[in-house]
C-alpha atoms as a PDB file:
ATOM      1  CA  MET A   1      -0.138  -0.265  -0.016  1.00  0.00           C
ATOM      2  CA  SER A   2       2.735   2.345   0.424  1.00  0.00           C
ATOM      3  CA  SER A   3       4.974   1.633  -2.797  1.00  0.00           C
ATOM      4  CA  HIS A   4       5.076   4.378  -5.128  1.00  0.00           C
ATOM      5  CA  VAL A   5       5.446   4.682  -9.152  1.00  0.00           C
ATOM      6  CA  HIS A   6       8.215   7.036 -10.343  1.00  0.00           C
ATOM      7  CA  ASP A   7       6.140   8.507 -13.468  1.00  0.00           C
ATOM      8  CA  HIS A   8       4.154  11.089 -11.341  1.00  0.00           C
ATOM      9  CA  GLY A   9       3.289  13.089 -14.781  1.00  0.00           C
ATOM     10  CA  THR A  10      -0.027  11.545 -16.236  1.00  0.00           C
ATOM     11  CA  VAL A  11      -0.033   8.168 -14.047  1.00  0.00           C
ATOM     12  CA  ALA A  12      -1.886   7.587 -10.760  1.00  0.00           C
ATOM     13  CA  ALA A  13      -0.727   4.033 -10.439  1.00  0.00           C
ATOM     14  CA  THR A  14       1.033   0.979 -11.994  1.00  0.00           C
ATOM     15  CA  VAL A  15      -1.333  -2.242 -11.858  1.00  0.00           C
ATOM     16  CA  ASN A  16       1.188  -5.484 -12.128  1.00  0.00           C
ATOM     17  CA  GLY A  17       3.255  -3.024 -14.722  1.00  0.00           C
ATOM     18  CA  GLU A  18       0.005  -1.314 -16.568  1.00  0.00           C
ATOM     19  CA  ALA A  19      -0.141   2.237 -16.184  1.00  0.00           C
ATOM     20  CA  VAL A  20      -3.620   3.657 -14.649  1.00  0.00           C
ATOM     21  CA  SER A  21      -4.079   7.156 -16.015  1.00  0.00           C
ATOM     22  CA  LYS A  22      -5.098  10.299 -13.837  1.00  0.00           C
ATOM     23  CA  GLU A  23      -7.451  10.716 -16.668  1.00  0.00           C
ATOM     24  CA  ARG A  24      -9.467   7.842 -15.415  1.00  0.00           C
ATOM     25  CA  VAL A  25      -9.418   8.904 -11.853  1.00  0.00           C
ATOM     26  CA  GLU A  26     -10.822  12.244 -12.577  1.00  0.00           C
ATOM     27  CA  ALA A  27     -13.448  10.641 -14.669  1.00  0.00           C
ATOM     28  CA  LEU A  28     -14.529   8.807 -11.807  1.00  0.00           C
ATOM     29  CA  LEU A  29     -14.688  11.983  -9.520  1.00  0.00           C
ATOM     30  CA  GLU A  30     -17.004  13.637 -12.226  1.00  0.00           C
ATOM     31  CA  ALA A  31     -19.479  10.688 -12.264  1.00  0.00           C
ATOM     32  CA  VAL A  32     -19.496  10.439  -8.519  1.00  0.00           C
ATOM     33  CA  PRO A  33     -19.632  13.898  -7.124  1.00  0.00           C
ATOM     34  CA  ALA A  34     -18.935  14.549  -3.393  1.00  0.00           C
ATOM     35  CA  ARG A  35     -21.882  14.243  -1.369  1.00  0.00           C
ATOM     36  CA  ASP A  36     -20.936  16.577   1.411  1.00  0.00           C
ATOM     37  CA  ARG A  37     -18.690  19.656   1.090  1.00  0.00           C
ATOM     38  CA  ALA A  38     -16.656  20.881   3.749  1.00  0.00           C
ATOM     39  CA  THR A  39     -17.357  24.459   4.814  1.00  0.00           C
ATOM     40  CA  ARG A  40     -13.629  25.158   5.838  1.00  0.00           C
ATOM     41  CA  PRO A  41     -10.715  25.642   3.028  1.00  0.00           C
ATOM     42  CA  GLU A  42      -8.544  23.335   4.818  1.00  0.00           C
ATOM     43  CA  ALA A  43     -11.163  20.913   5.411  1.00  0.00           C
ATOM     44  CA  PHE A  44     -12.368  20.864   2.114  1.00  0.00           C
ATOM     45  CA  ALA A  45      -8.691  20.293   0.837  1.00  0.00           C
ATOM     46  CA  ARG A  46      -8.321  17.341   2.812  1.00  0.00           C
ATOM     47  CA  ALA A  47     -11.762  16.211   1.886  1.00  0.00           C
ATOM     48  CA  GLU A  48     -10.902  16.506  -1.991  1.00  0.00           C
ATOM     49  CA  ARG A  49      -7.414  14.885  -1.421  1.00  0.00           C
ATOM     50  CA  GLN A  50      -8.994  11.934   0.351  1.00  0.00           C
ATOM     51  CA  ARG A  51     -11.398  11.962  -2.501  1.00  0.00           C
ATOM     52  CA  ARG A  52      -8.858  11.664  -5.045  1.00  0.00           C
ATOM     53  CA  ARG A  53      -7.147   8.836  -3.317  1.00  0.00           C
ATOM     54  CA  TRP A  54     -10.373   7.075  -2.714  1.00  0.00           C
ATOM     55  CA  ALA A  55     -11.079   7.440  -6.198  1.00  0.00           C
ATOM     56  CA  THR A  56      -8.032   6.164  -7.338  1.00  0.00           C
ATOM     57  CA  GLN A  57      -8.662   2.806  -5.290  1.00  0.00           C
ATOM     58  CA  VAL A  58     -11.842   2.397  -7.198  1.00  0.00           C
ATOM     59  CA  VAL A  59     -10.316   2.730 -10.782  1.00  0.00           C
ATOM     60  CA  VAL A  60      -7.278   0.591  -9.453  1.00  0.00           C
ATOM     61  CA  THR A  61      -9.866  -1.988  -8.491  1.00  0.00           C
ATOM     62  CA  ASP A  62     -11.597  -1.756 -12.074  1.00  0.00           C
ATOM     63  CA  GLU A  63      -8.216  -2.154 -13.505  1.00  0.00           C
ATOM     64  CA  LEU A  64      -7.374  -5.163 -11.571  1.00  0.00           C
ATOM     65  CA  ALA A  65     -10.557  -6.930 -12.197  1.00  0.00           C
ATOM     66  CA  GLN A  66     -10.047  -6.344 -16.218  1.00  0.00           C
ATOM     67  CA  GLN A  67      -6.849  -8.000 -16.079  1.00  0.00           C
ATOM     68  CA  ALA A  68      -8.344 -10.859 -13.833  1.00  0.00           C
ATOM     69  CA  CYS A  69     -11.270 -11.080 -16.478  1.00  0.00           C
ATOM     70  CA  ALA A  70      -8.613 -11.425 -18.973  1.00  0.00           C
ATOM     71  CA  GLU A  71      -6.867 -13.913 -17.643  1.00  0.00           C
ATOM     72  CA  ARG A  72     -10.095 -15.708 -16.912  1.00  0.00           C
ATOM     73  CA  GLY A  73     -11.083 -15.592 -20.827  1.00  0.00           C
ATOM     74  CA  LEU A  74     -14.398 -13.535 -19.236  1.00  0.00           C
ATOM     75  CA  ARG A  75     -15.543 -10.997 -21.318  1.00  0.00           C
ATOM     76  CA  GLY A  76     -15.453  -7.757 -19.049  1.00  0.00           C
ATOM     77  CA  ALA A  77     -16.607  -4.405 -20.317  1.00  0.00           C
ATOM     78  CA  GLY A  78     -14.598  -0.972 -20.599  1.00  0.00           C
ATOM     79  CA  ASN A  79     -13.087   1.393 -18.137  1.00  0.00           C
ATOM     80  CA  CYS A  80     -14.474   2.104 -15.095  1.00  0.00           C
ATOM     81  CA  ALA A  81     -16.961   5.201 -15.037  1.00  0.00           C
ATOM     82  CA  THR A  82     -16.633   5.631 -18.622  1.00  0.00           C
ATOM     83  CA  SER A  83     -16.636   3.052 -21.677  1.00  0.00           C
ATOM     84  CA  HIS A  84     -13.946   3.182 -24.488  1.00  0.00           C
ATOM     85  CA  ASP A  85     -16.408   5.545 -26.621  1.00  0.00           C
ATOM     86  CA  GLY A  86     -16.744   7.847 -23.488  1.00  0.00           C
ATOM     87  CA  ALA A  87     -20.197   6.889 -22.482  1.00  0.00           C
ATOM     88  CA  ALA A  88     -21.151   6.261 -19.301  1.00  0.00           C
ATOM     89  CA  ALA A  89     -20.751   2.254 -18.016  1.00  0.00           C
ATOM     90  CA  ASP A  90     -23.851   0.517 -17.619  1.00  0.00           C
ATOM     91  CA  GLY A  91     -25.061  -0.254 -14.116  1.00  0.00           C
ATOM     92  CA  PRO A  92     -26.961   1.594 -11.453  1.00  0.00           C
ATOM     93  CA  PRO A  93     -25.420   5.281 -10.282  1.00  0.00           C
ATOM     94  CA  THR A  94     -24.085   5.070  -6.211  1.00  0.00           C
ATOM     95  CA  THR A  95     -24.284   7.475  -3.850  1.00  0.00           C
ATOM     96  CA  ALA A  96     -21.505   6.006  -1.833  1.00  0.00           C
ATOM     97  CA  HIS A  97     -19.091   8.505   0.067  1.00  0.00           C
ATOM     98  CA  PRO A  98     -15.278   7.686   0.723  1.00  0.00           C
ATOM     99  CA  ALA A  99     -15.821   7.691   4.414  1.00  0.00           C
ATOM    100  CA  GLU A 100     -18.642   5.053   4.030  1.00  0.00           C
ATOM    101  CA  LEU A 101     -17.378   1.506   5.133  1.00  0.00           C
ATOM    102  CA  GLY A 102     -16.951  -0.563   1.876  1.00  0.00           C
ATOM    103  CA  SER A 103     -17.339   2.186  -0.451  1.00  0.00           C
ATOM    104  CA  ILE A 104     -14.487   1.530  -2.580  1.00  0.00           C
ATOM    105  CA  VAL A 105     -15.893  -1.849  -3.931  1.00  0.00           C
ATOM    106  CA  ALA A 106     -19.604  -0.680  -3.586  1.00  0.00           C
ATOM    107  CA  THR A 107     -18.467   1.818  -6.315  1.00  0.00           C
ATOM    108  CA  ALA A 108     -16.288  -0.276  -8.189  1.00  0.00           C
ATOM    109  CA  LEU A 109     -19.237  -2.781  -8.517  1.00  0.00           C
ATOM    110  CA  ALA A 110     -21.601  -0.058  -9.501  1.00  0.00           C
ATOM    111  CA  HIS A 111     -19.300   1.586 -11.949  1.00  0.00           C
ATOM    112  CA  SER A 112     -17.077  -1.359 -13.198  1.00  0.00           C
ATOM    113  CA  PRO A 113     -18.677  -4.028 -15.811  1.00  0.00           C
ATOM    114  CA  ALA A 114     -15.282  -6.131 -15.164  1.00  0.00           C
ATOM    115  CA  ALA A 115     -15.911  -6.001 -11.635  1.00  0.00           C
ATOM    116  CA  ARG A 116     -19.523  -7.082 -11.697  1.00  0.00           C
ATOM    117  CA  THR A 117     -18.091  -9.746 -14.444  1.00  0.00           C
ATOM    118  CA  LEU A 118     -15.723 -11.115 -12.142  1.00  0.00           C
ATOM    119  CA  LEU A 119     -17.922 -11.108  -9.195  1.00  0.00           C
ATOM    120  CA  THR A 120     -20.663 -13.125 -10.869  1.00  0.00           C
ATOM    121  CA  GLU A 121     -17.965 -15.635 -11.885  1.00  0.00           C
ATOM    122  CA  LEU A 122     -16.639 -15.892  -8.324  1.00  0.00           C
ATOM    123  CA  GLU A 123     -20.441 -16.683  -7.463  1.00  0.00           C
ATOM    124  CA  ARG A 124     -20.715 -19.252  -9.869  1.00  0.00           C
ATOM    125  CA  GLU A 125     -17.602 -21.099  -8.715  1.00  0.00           C
ATOM    126  CA  GLN A 126     -18.682 -21.243  -4.703  1.00  0.00           C
ATOM    127  CA  PRO A 127     -20.084 -24.424  -3.724  1.00  0.00           C
ATOM    128  CA  VAL A 128     -22.606 -24.693  -1.596  1.00  0.00           C
ATOM    129  CA  PRO A 129     -22.922 -28.122   0.374  1.00  0.00           C
ATOM    130  CA  GLU A 130     -26.142 -29.634   1.062  1.00  0.00           C
ATOM    131  CA  GLU A 131     -25.519 -29.780   4.569  1.00  0.00           C
ATOM    132  CA  ALA A 132     -24.996 -25.859   4.618  1.00  0.00           C
ATOM    133  CA  ALA A 133     -28.211 -25.245   3.100  1.00  0.00           C
ATOM    134  CA  TRP A 134     -30.246 -27.582   5.563  1.00  0.00           C
ATOM    135  CA  ASP A 135     -28.223 -26.117   8.555  1.00  0.00           C
ATOM    136  CA  TYR A 136     -29.086 -22.495   7.633  1.00  0.00           C
ATOM    137  CA  TYR A 137     -32.652 -23.657   7.171  1.00  0.00           C
ATOM    138  CA  THR A 138     -32.857 -25.241  10.589  1.00  0.00           C
ATOM    139  CA  ARG A 139     -31.213 -22.308  12.412  1.00  0.00           C
ATOM    140  CA  ASN A 140     -33.278 -19.552  10.950  1.00  0.00           C
ATOM    141  CA  ARG A 141     -36.617 -20.785  10.930  1.00  0.00           C
ATOM    142  CA  ASP A 142     -38.360 -17.388  11.658  1.00  0.00           C
ATOM    143  CA  ARG A 143     -37.267 -16.797   7.741  1.00  0.00           C
ATOM    144  CA  PHE A 144     -39.516 -19.400   6.706  1.00  0.00           C
ATOM    145  CA  LEU A 145     -42.779 -19.002   7.967  1.00  0.00           C
ATOM    146  CA  THR A 146     -45.664 -19.580   5.759  1.00  0.00           C
ATOM    147  CA  PRO A 147     -47.610 -16.448   5.159  1.00  0.00           C
ATOM    148  CA  ASP A 148     -50.383 -17.829   6.905  1.00  0.00           C
ATOM    149  CA  ALA A 149     -48.247 -18.285   9.802  1.00  0.00           C
ATOM    150  CA  LEU A 150     -46.995 -15.014   9.556  1.00  0.00           C
ATOM    151  CA  ARG A 151     -50.694 -13.241   9.335  1.00  0.00           C
ATOM    152  CA  ARG A 152     -51.464 -15.461  12.666  1.00  0.00           C
ATOM    153  CA  GLY A 153     -48.646 -14.172  14.241  1.00  0.00           C
ATOM    154  CA  VAL A 154     -46.987 -17.495  15.074  1.00  0.00           C
ATOM    155  CA  ASN A 155     -43.859 -17.848  17.313  1.00  0.00           C
ATOM    156  CA  PRO A 156     -41.450 -19.848  15.005  1.00  0.00           C
ATOM    157  CA  PHE A 157     -39.460 -20.968  18.059  1.00  0.00           C
ATOM    158  CA  HIS A 158     -42.425 -21.838  20.181  1.00  0.00           C
ATOM    159  CA  GLY A 159     -45.909 -23.758  19.247  1.00  0.00           C
ATOM    160  CA  ALA A 160     -45.382 -23.539  15.710  1.00  0.00           C
ATOM    161  CA  THR A 161     -46.049 -27.055  13.781  1.00  0.00           C
ATOM    162  CA  GLU A 162     -44.161 -28.249  10.395  1.00  0.00           C
ATOM    163  CA  ALA A 163     -47.438 -27.164   8.406  1.00  0.00           C
ATOM    164  CA  ASP A 164     -46.207 -23.440   9.611  1.00  0.00           C
ATOM    165  CA  PHE A 165     -43.096 -23.718   7.633  1.00  0.00           C
ATOM    166  CA  VAL A 166     -42.134 -23.259   4.082  1.00  0.00           C
ATOM    167  CA  PRO A 167     -41.189 -26.872   3.253  1.00  0.00           C
ATOM    168  CA  TYR A 168     -37.129 -27.270   2.996  1.00  0.00           C
ATOM    169  CA  GLU A 169     -37.805 -28.584  -0.694  1.00  0.00           C
ATOM    170  CA  ARG A 170     -39.041 -25.266  -1.698  1.00  0.00           C
ATOM    171  CA  ALA A 171     -37.126 -23.088   0.287  1.00  0.00           C
ATOM    172  CA  ARG A 172     -33.827 -24.765  -0.972  1.00  0.00           C
ATOM    173  CA  GLU A 173     -33.223 -23.013  -4.039  1.00  0.00           C
ATOM    174  CA  GLY A 174     -33.405 -19.342  -2.544  1.00  0.00           C
ATOM    175  CA  ILE A 175     -31.033 -20.576   0.499  1.00  0.00           C
ATOM    176  CA  VAL A 176     -28.209 -21.998  -2.039  1.00  0.00           C
ATOM    177  CA  ARG A 177     -28.603 -18.791  -3.926  1.00  0.00           C
ATOM    178  CA  ASP A 178     -28.087 -16.564  -0.987  1.00  0.00           C
ATOM    179  CA  LEU A 179     -25.175 -18.797   0.329  1.00  0.00           C
ATOM    180  CA  ARG A 180     -23.523 -18.783  -2.921  1.00  0.00           C
ATOM    181  CA  ARG A 181     -23.924 -14.852  -3.287  1.00  0.00           C
ATOM    182  CA  ALA A 182     -22.345 -14.400   0.234  1.00  0.00           C
ATOM    183  CA  ALA A 183     -19.899 -16.847  -0.357  1.00  0.00           C
ATOM    184  CA  GLY A 184     -18.961 -15.148  -3.650  1.00  0.00           C
ATOM    185  CA  ARG A 185     -18.852 -11.825  -2.224  1.00  0.00           C
ATOM    186  CA  ARG A 186     -15.968 -13.048   0.522  1.00  0.00           C
ATOM    187  CA  ALA A 187     -14.161 -14.421  -2.393  1.00  0.00           C
ATOM    188  CA  PHE A 188     -14.170 -11.262  -4.310  1.00  0.00           C
ATOM    189  CA  PHE A 189     -12.922  -9.274  -1.029  1.00  0.00           C
ATOM    190  CA  ASP A 190     -10.017 -12.017  -0.675  1.00  0.00           C
ATOM    191  CA  TRP A 191      -9.083 -11.658  -4.302  1.00  0.00           C
ATOM    192  CA  LEU A 192      -8.838  -7.929  -3.965  1.00  0.00           C
ATOM    193  CA  ASP A 193      -6.729  -7.848  -0.913  1.00  0.00           C
ATOM    194  CA  GLN A 194      -4.312 -10.316  -2.805  1.00  0.00           C
ATOM    195  CA  ALA A 195      -4.424  -8.645  -5.891  1.00  0.00           C
ATOM    196  CA  ARG A 196      -3.675  -5.352  -4.599  1.00  0.00           C
ATOM    197  CA  VAL A 197      -0.283  -6.583  -3.862  1.00  0.00           C
ATOM    198  CA  GLY A 198       0.938  -5.664  -7.216  1.00  0.00           C
ATOM    199  CA  VAL A 199      -0.485  -2.087  -7.356  1.00  0.00           C
ATOM    200  CA  GLU A 200       2.166   0.844  -6.972  1.00  0.00           C
ATOM    201  CA  TYR A 201       0.785   4.661  -6.319  1.00  0.00           C
ATOM    202  CA  ALA A 202       1.864   7.974  -7.374  1.00  0.00           C
ATOM    203  CA  PRO A 203       2.027  10.458  -4.775  1.00  0.00           C
ATOM    204  CA  GLY A 204      -1.167  11.943  -4.077  1.00  0.00           C
ATOM    205  CA  HIS A 205      -3.074   8.574  -5.004  1.00  0.00           C
ATOM    206  CA  GLU A 206      -2.223   6.497  -2.181  1.00  0.00           C
ATOM    207  CA  HIS A 207      -4.614   4.603  -0.125  1.00  0.00           C
ATOM    208  CA  PRO A 208      -6.722   6.865   1.833  1.00  0.00           C
ATOM    209  CA  GLY A 209      -5.731   4.699   4.873  1.00  0.00           C
ATOM    210  CA  ASP A 210      -1.982   4.789   4.214  1.00  0.00           C
ATOM    211  CA  PRO A 211      -0.190   6.154   7.215  1.00  0.00           C
ATOM    212  CA  SER A 212       2.643   7.540   4.887  1.00  0.00           C
ATOM    213  CA  HIS A 213       0.645  10.260   3.893  1.00  0.00           C
ATOM    214  CA  PRO A 214      -0.665  13.026   6.756  1.00  0.00           C
ATOM    215  CA  ASP A 215      -4.359  12.912   5.286  1.00  0.00           C
ATOM    216  CA  HIS A 216      -4.858   9.174   6.164  1.00  0.00           C
ATOM    217  CA  GLU A 217      -7.690   7.545   7.846  1.00  0.00           C
ATOM    218  CA  HIS A 218      -8.090   4.091   8.400  1.00  0.00           C
ATOM    219  CA  ARG A 219     -11.370   3.325   6.308  1.00  0.00           C
ATOM    220  CA  HIS A 220     -12.273   1.385   3.057  1.00  0.00           C
END
């Protein structure tokens, strides 16, 4: 996280030897305007410096995802925030703020087709053993009450009968889908933590939590 690139001109970071331009960072900053504006000049300047570092992390995540998609033979789309022809990338807009937990990944997934493609692939790869699905069903009985039982105010942990619950056979598909999605997101975070090892940053584009710069704050 403390490594720096030597070309300070147009490069915000290098990702496994590939240059990430400052233009890509600026494009993302335009696509995701600041939610809050500090009133004091020094606070505003610090917030903008941190916002640029945050945006660099989002764009680096996009670049890492593009490289991962290429290695896996997946068809990921163009750069984060804008595609190759300059049009806005597909996907929902985000109101994530750099100070919010998880906003880097949330914004990358909103603006990076490659990150979404990789996440989908990682979800697809996750095995969900039958015993895990059954365990989830038995430990979360309150989530599987039938509509009628809910209307009657049945207590799932006291006095309920099997007829008050959606049968496991009907609930299983949704359980497997949810468990696979959760495992896929954990795999995505694990992948990103490992992939960032190959990243070097230009001064002013370090991770917001990097203690080597005076603005640092330990948030993601």
